[in-house]
Amino acid sequence: MTSGIRIGTPAVTTRGFKAQEMKEIADIIADVLNAPENEEVLAQAKQKVTALTDRFPLYDN
């Protein structure tokens, strides 16, 4: 049996994420895992994810 989470890097590298953005993703995941029921932490995580993905849109408009 395996456990844990696997994050596929092709999805983020295709978007243009580099090492710094991967660290941001890891930090966001750690924050949520450390306080999964804390609404403030969850709201901050959502805000950080939105800001990160806004910097690296999937498609050029």
Protein backbone atom coordinates (compact mmCIF):
# COMPACT_ATOMS: atom_id res chain seq x y z
CA MET A 1 0.00 0.00 0.00
CA THR A 2 1.25 3.48 -0.82
CA SER A 3 0.50 6.72 0.93
CA GLY A 4 1.14 10.40 0.44
CA ILE A 5 0.49 12.78 -2.39
CA ARG A 6 2.21 13.04 -5.73
CA ILE A 7 2.42 16.32 -7.54
CA GLY A 8 3.03 16.02 -11.24
CA THR A 9 5.56 18.55 -12.40
CA PRO A 10 4.58 18.46 -16.11
CA ALA A 11 1.39 20.38 -15.33
CA VAL A 12 3.23 23.16 -13.55
CA THR A 13 6.27 23.33 -15.83
CA THR A 14 3.98 23.55 -18.86
CA ARG A 15 2.50 26.60 -17.20
CA GLY A 16 5.97 28.08 -16.76
CA PHE A 17 6.46 27.53 -13.04
CA LYS A 18 10.06 27.38 -11.87
CA ALA A 19 11.67 26.36 -8.56
CA GLN A 20 10.37 29.41 -6.68
CA GLU A 21 6.78 28.68 -7.68
CA MET A 22 7.17 25.02 -6.69
CA LYS A 23 8.30 26.23 -3.25
CA GLU A 24 5.22 28.43 -3.06
CA ILE A 25 3.02 25.44 -3.93
CA ALA A 26 4.73 23.32 -1.27
CA ASP A 27 4.28 26.07 1.32
CA ILE A 28 0.57 26.39 0.50
CA ILE A 29 0.07 22.63 0.76
CA ALA A 30 1.95 22.54 4.09
CA ASP A 31 -0.15 25.39 5.48
CA VAL A 32 -3.39 23.56 4.63
CA LEU A 33 -2.14 20.21 5.92
CA ASN A 34 -1.13 21.83 9.21
CA ALA A 35 -4.54 23.45 9.71
CA PRO A 36 -7.11 21.74 7.44
CA GLU A 37 -10.12 23.05 9.34
CA ASN A 38 -8.89 26.62 9.84
CA GLU A 39 -11.08 28.76 7.59
CA GLU A 40 -8.58 31.65 7.61
CA VAL A 41 -5.75 29.36 6.46
CA LEU A 42 -7.97 27.91 3.73
CA ALA A 43 -9.00 31.37 2.53
CA GLN A 44 -5.35 32.49 2.46
CA ALA A 45 -4.39 29.35 0.52
CA LYS A 46 -7.11 30.02 -2.04
CA GLN A 47 -5.92 33.61 -2.39
CA LYS A 48 -2.30 32.50 -2.85
CA VAL A 49 -3.27 29.89 -5.45
CA THR A 50 -5.32 32.45 -7.36
CA ALA A 51 -2.44 34.94 -7.33
CA LEU A 52 0.01 32.28 -8.46
CA THR A 53 -2.16 31.01 -11.31
CA ASP A 54 -2.98 34.58 -12.39
CA ARG A 55 0.76 35.15 -12.90
CA PHE A 56 0.93 32.04 -15.10
CA PRO A 57 -2.27 31.80 -17.16
CA LEU A 58 -2.99 28.61 -19.10
CA TYR A 59 -3.66 30.47 -22.32
CA ASP A 60 -2.64 33.82 -23.72
CA ASN A 61 -5.64 36.06 -24.28
